[in-house]
Amino acid sequence: MNYSQLAFSDAAKELQQEFGSRQIYERVEKYHVVDGLTENEKKFIAEQDHFYMATIGENGYPYIQHRGGPKGFVKVLNEQTLAFVDFSGNRQYISVGNIETNFHVALILVSYPHRARLKVYAQAKIVQLTDEPELFAQIDPADYKHRPERMLVLTVQAYDWNCPQHITPRYTAEELEPAFAAQRQQIADLEAENQKLKAELENLKALPK
């Protein structure tokens, strides 16, 4: 499983040669071979709540779609296989239609807080919900509000990590909550103390003069 051998076309190699990076990447092609997803990739994928997927249409154009769901909705079935439930959306079916005629896909999974980006080449297979009910039970995010239409099973061909350059850290409200928890508690304590002091002041005012 060598991402470089799959990703580097002859044109890309010529450009690497022209701009001085070919020698480095030639070594990568020869020696950086990984046999399946490691625990590092598995943990990373399990933490993601979205990804971007590129497919190729019969018109020759790539189509890039954003896919989202609850954290961990993309399941790692084993070192070579990912799967997720395809939720009902705007019903254009561009990605699924592309996969019907060309099963090659590319994924990018991004963790903005960690400035980490995982690129994946895979072969996609469309699986109907009734064809493999056991798989559906295994990967369906039952606690998440959605309408399942089908499943997509991806056989990983190669993957690589991208550099963090130009990834701006972004955080969800859920991720920011712990950072503000202490501040909110302090405000609540001050408000309670303020109310207590106000009550004591009113009691003092009510005493006979």
Protein backbone atom coordinates (compact mmCIF):
# COMPACT_ATOMS: atom_id res chain seq x y z
CA MET A 1 0.00 0.00 0.00
CA ASN A 2 2.12 2.89 -1.32
CA TYR A 3 0.33 6.22 -1.71
CA SER A 4 3.15 7.76 -3.72
CA GLN A 5 3.17 5.05 -6.38
CA LEU A 6 -0.57 5.46 -6.83
CA ALA A 7 -0.69 9.25 -6.67
CA PHE A 8 2.39 10.29 -8.65
CA SER A 9 1.64 10.36 -12.36
CA ASP A 10 4.42 10.76 -14.91
CA ALA A 11 3.47 14.43 -15.21
CA ALA A 12 3.72 14.86 -11.43
CA LYS A 13 7.13 13.19 -11.42
CA GLU A 14 8.36 15.49 -14.16
CA LEU A 15 7.28 18.50 -12.13
CA GLN A 16 8.97 17.08 -9.03
CA GLN A 17 12.15 16.73 -11.08
CA GLU A 18 11.84 20.28 -12.38
CA PHE A 19 11.30 21.82 -8.95
CA GLY A 20 13.80 19.71 -7.01
CA SER A 21 11.68 17.30 -4.94
CA ARG A 22 11.92 14.18 -7.08
CA GLN A 23 14.89 12.66 -5.25
CA ILE A 24 13.06 12.79 -1.92
CA TYR A 25 9.81 11.37 -3.27
CA GLU A 26 11.60 8.64 -5.21
CA ARG A 27 12.87 7.29 -1.89
CA VAL A 28 9.36 7.58 -0.45
CA GLU A 29 7.98 5.52 -3.34
CA LYS A 30 10.52 2.75 -2.74
CA TYR A 31 10.53 2.50 1.02
CA HIS A 32 7.36 4.05 2.50
CA VAL A 33 5.03 1.07 2.17
CA VAL A 34 2.33 0.58 4.81
CA ASP A 35 0.26 -2.59 4.98
CA GLY A 36 -3.18 -1.32 5.94
CA LEU A 37 -4.45 1.24 8.40
CA THR A 38 -2.54 1.44 11.66
CA GLU A 39 -3.96 2.21 15.10
CA ASN A 40 -3.10 5.87 14.50
CA GLU A 41 -5.34 6.11 11.44
CA LYS A 42 -8.10 4.07 13.09
CA LYS A 43 -8.24 6.39 16.10
CA PHE A 44 -8.17 9.46 13.88
CA ILE A 45 -11.04 8.22 11.70
CA ALA A 46 -13.10 7.28 14.77
CA GLU A 47 -12.92 10.90 15.98
CA GLN A 48 -14.13 12.52 12.77
CA ASP A 49 -17.64 13.85 12.19
CA HIS A 50 -17.15 14.75 8.52
CA PHE A 51 -15.03 14.15 5.44
CA TYR A 52 -14.78 15.15 1.79
CA MET A 53 -15.15 12.55 -0.97
CA ALA A 54 -14.25 12.88 -4.65
CA THR A 55 -15.83 10.71 -7.33
CA ILE A 56 -15.50 10.75 -11.13
CA GLY A 57 -18.55 11.14 -13.37
CA GLU A 58 -19.14 9.80 -16.84
CA ASN A 59 -18.55 13.37 -18.07
CA GLY A 60 -14.92 13.04 -16.90
CA TYR A 61 -15.26 15.69 -14.21
CA PRO A 62 -14.52 15.04 -10.55
CA TYR A 63 -17.28 15.74 -8.03
CA ILE A 64 -16.40 16.58 -4.43
CA GLN A 65 -19.00 16.13 -1.75
CA HIS A 66 -18.95 16.93 1.95
CA ARG A 67 -20.26 14.12 4.12
CA GLY A 68 -21.14 14.65 7.79
CA GLY A 69 -22.63 12.78 10.70
CA PRO A 70 -22.03 12.00 14.35
CA LYS A 71 -18.48 11.52 15.52
CA GLY A 72 -17.26 8.10 14.42
CA PHE A 73 -19.96 7.52 11.79
CA VAL A 74 -17.25 6.26 9.44
CA LYS A 75 -16.46 2.80 10.75
CA VAL A 76 -13.15 0.96 10.38
CA LEU A 77 -14.14 -2.65 9.74
CA ASN A 78 -10.54 -3.83 9.43
CA GLU A 79 -7.13 -2.58 8.27
CA GLN A 80 -8.28 -2.33 4.65
CA THR A 81 -11.99 -1.53 4.93
CA LEU A 82 -14.12 1.49 5.88
CA ALA A 83 -17.90 1.69 5.81
CA PHE A 84 -20.60 4.24 6.48
CA VAL A 85 -24.34 4.64 6.07
CA ASP A 86 -25.39 6.90 3.22
CA PHE A 87 -27.98 9.30 4.64
CA SER A 88 -30.84 10.72 2.60
CA GLY A 89 -29.98 14.26 1.45
CA ASN A 90 -30.98 16.45 -1.47
CA ARG A 91 -31.53 13.36 -3.66
CA GLN A 92 -29.27 14.47 -6.49
CA TYR A 93 -27.35 11.16 -6.15
CA ILE A 94 -24.30 12.51 -7.97
CA SER A 95 -21.71 10.67 -5.88
CA VAL A 96 -23.63 7.40 -5.85
CA GLY A 97 -24.30 7.70 -9.58
CA ASN A 98 -20.61 8.27 -10.24
CA ILE A 99 -19.68 5.22 -8.15
CA GLU A 100 -22.09 3.10 -10.21
CA THR A 101 -19.84 3.67 -13.24
CA ASN A 102 -16.45 4.31 -11.60
CA PHE A 103 -15.74 2.83 -8.17
CA HIS A 104 -12.53 4.81 -7.61
CA VAL A 105 -12.89 7.46 -4.89
CA ALA A 106 -10.63 9.73 -2.88
CA LEU A 107 -11.28 10.95 0.65
CA ILE A 108 -9.83 13.76 2.73
CA LEU A 109 -10.50 13.69 6.48
CA VAL A 110 -9.54 16.84 8.36
CA SER A 111 -9.20 17.55 12.07
CA TYR A 112 -9.15 21.33 12.25
CA PRO A 113 -8.31 21.55 15.98
CA HIS A 114 -5.28 19.28 15.49
CA ARG A 115 -4.41 20.67 12.03
CA ALA A 116 -4.23 17.09 10.71
CA ARG A 117 -5.32 15.82 7.30
CA LEU A 118 -5.58 12.21 6.12
CA LYS A 119 -5.84 11.44 2.39
CA VAL A 120 -7.28 8.10 1.28
CA TYR A 121 -7.56 6.35 -2.08
CA ALA A 122 -10.25 3.66 -2.07
CA GLN A 123 -12.54 1.50 -4.15
CA ALA A 124 -16.19 2.01 -3.25
CA LYS A 125 -19.00 -0.53 -3.27
CA ILE A 126 -22.68 0.31 -2.85
CA VAL A 127 -24.47 -2.09 -0.51
CA GLN A 128 -28.24 -2.01 -0.07
CA LEU A 129 -29.53 -1.98 3.51
CA THR A 130 -31.47 -5.23 3.10
CA ASP A 131 -28.58 -7.07 1.46
CA GLU A 132 -26.37 -7.06 4.57
CA PRO A 133 -28.52 -6.32 7.64
CA GLU A 134 -25.74 -7.41 10.00
CA LEU A 135 -23.39 -4.82 8.54
CA PHE A 136 -26.11 -2.17 8.77
CA ALA A 137 -26.65 -2.99 12.45
CA GLN A 138 -22.90 -2.67 12.99
CA ILE A 139 -22.39 0.74 11.34
CA ASP A 140 -25.75 2.53 11.66
CA PRO A 141 -25.56 5.51 14.07
CA ALA A 142 -28.89 4.67 15.70
CA ASP A 143 -28.84 7.62 18.14
CA TYR A 144 -28.37 10.13 15.30
CA LYS A 145 -31.40 11.60 13.53
CA HIS A 146 -31.15 10.40 9.94
CA ARG A 147 -32.84 8.44 7.17
CA PRO A 148 -30.57 5.70 5.83
CA GLU A 149 -30.73 4.90 2.13
CA ARG A 150 -27.80 2.57 1.51
CA MET A 151 -24.29 1.73 2.73
CA LEU A 152 -20.93 2.47 1.17
CA VAL A 153 -18.06 0.07 1.78
CA LEU A 154 -14.61 1.39 0.91
CA THR A 155 -11.61 -0.84 0.28
CA VAL A 156 -8.57 1.27 1.08
CA GLN A 157 -5.90 1.19 -1.60
CA ALA A 158 -3.48 3.73 -0.14
CA TYR A 159 -3.37 6.65 2.27
CA ASP A 160 -1.07 9.42 3.39
CA TRP A 161 -0.94 12.26 5.89
CA ASN A 162 -0.77 15.83 4.65
CA CYS A 163 1.28 18.58 6.24
CA PRO A 164 -0.59 21.01 8.56
CA GLN A 165 0.40 24.08 6.55
CA HIS A 166 -2.53 26.43 5.83
CA ILE A 167 -4.97 24.47 8.01
CA THR A 168 -6.57 27.11 10.23
CA PRO A 169 -7.59 25.69 13.62
CA ARG A 170 -11.38 25.68 14.02
CA TYR A 171 -13.44 24.37 16.92
CA THR A 172 -17.01 23.20 17.35
CA ALA A 173 -19.23 24.46 20.18
CA GLU A 174 -18.83 21.05 21.83
CA GLU A 175 -15.03 21.29 21.68
CA LEU A 176 -15.05 24.82 23.13
CA GLU A 177 -17.35 23.97 26.01
CA PRO A 178 -14.62 22.65 28.40
CA ALA A 179 -12.56 25.80 27.86
CA PHE A 180 -15.45 27.99 29.03
CA ALA A 181 -16.73 25.68 31.79
CA ALA A 182 -14.56 27.20 34.53
CA GLN A 183 -15.47 30.73 33.43
CA ARG A 184 -19.19 29.93 33.43
CA GLN A 185 -18.89 28.38 36.89
CA GLN A 186 -17.11 31.47 38.18
CA ILE A 187 -19.85 33.71 36.77
CA ALA A 188 -22.52 31.50 38.36
CA ASP A 189 -20.72 31.66 41.73
CA LEU A 190 -20.43 35.45 41.51
CA GLU A 191 -24.10 35.79 40.60
CA ALA A 192 -25.08 33.59 43.55
CA GLU A 193 -22.87 35.62 45.87
CA ASN A 194 -24.34 38.83 44.49
CA GLN A 195 -27.86 37.59 45.15
CA LYS A 196 -26.88 36.61 48.67
CA LEU A 197 -25.39 40.06 49.36
CA LYS A 198 -28.49 41.75 47.95
CA ALA A 199 -30.69 39.67 50.26
CA GLU A 200 -28.51 40.55 53.26
CA LEU A 201 -28.68 44.22 52.32
CA GLU A 202 -32.49 44.09 52.09
CA ASN A 203 -32.61 42.45 55.51
CA LEU A 204 -30.44 45.22 56.95
CA LYS A 205 -32.71 47.84 55.43
CA ALA A 206 -35.72 46.17 57.03
CA LEU A 207 -34.28 46.40 60.57
CA PRO A 208 -35.80 49.07 62.86
CA LYS A 209 -33.83 52.31 62.85
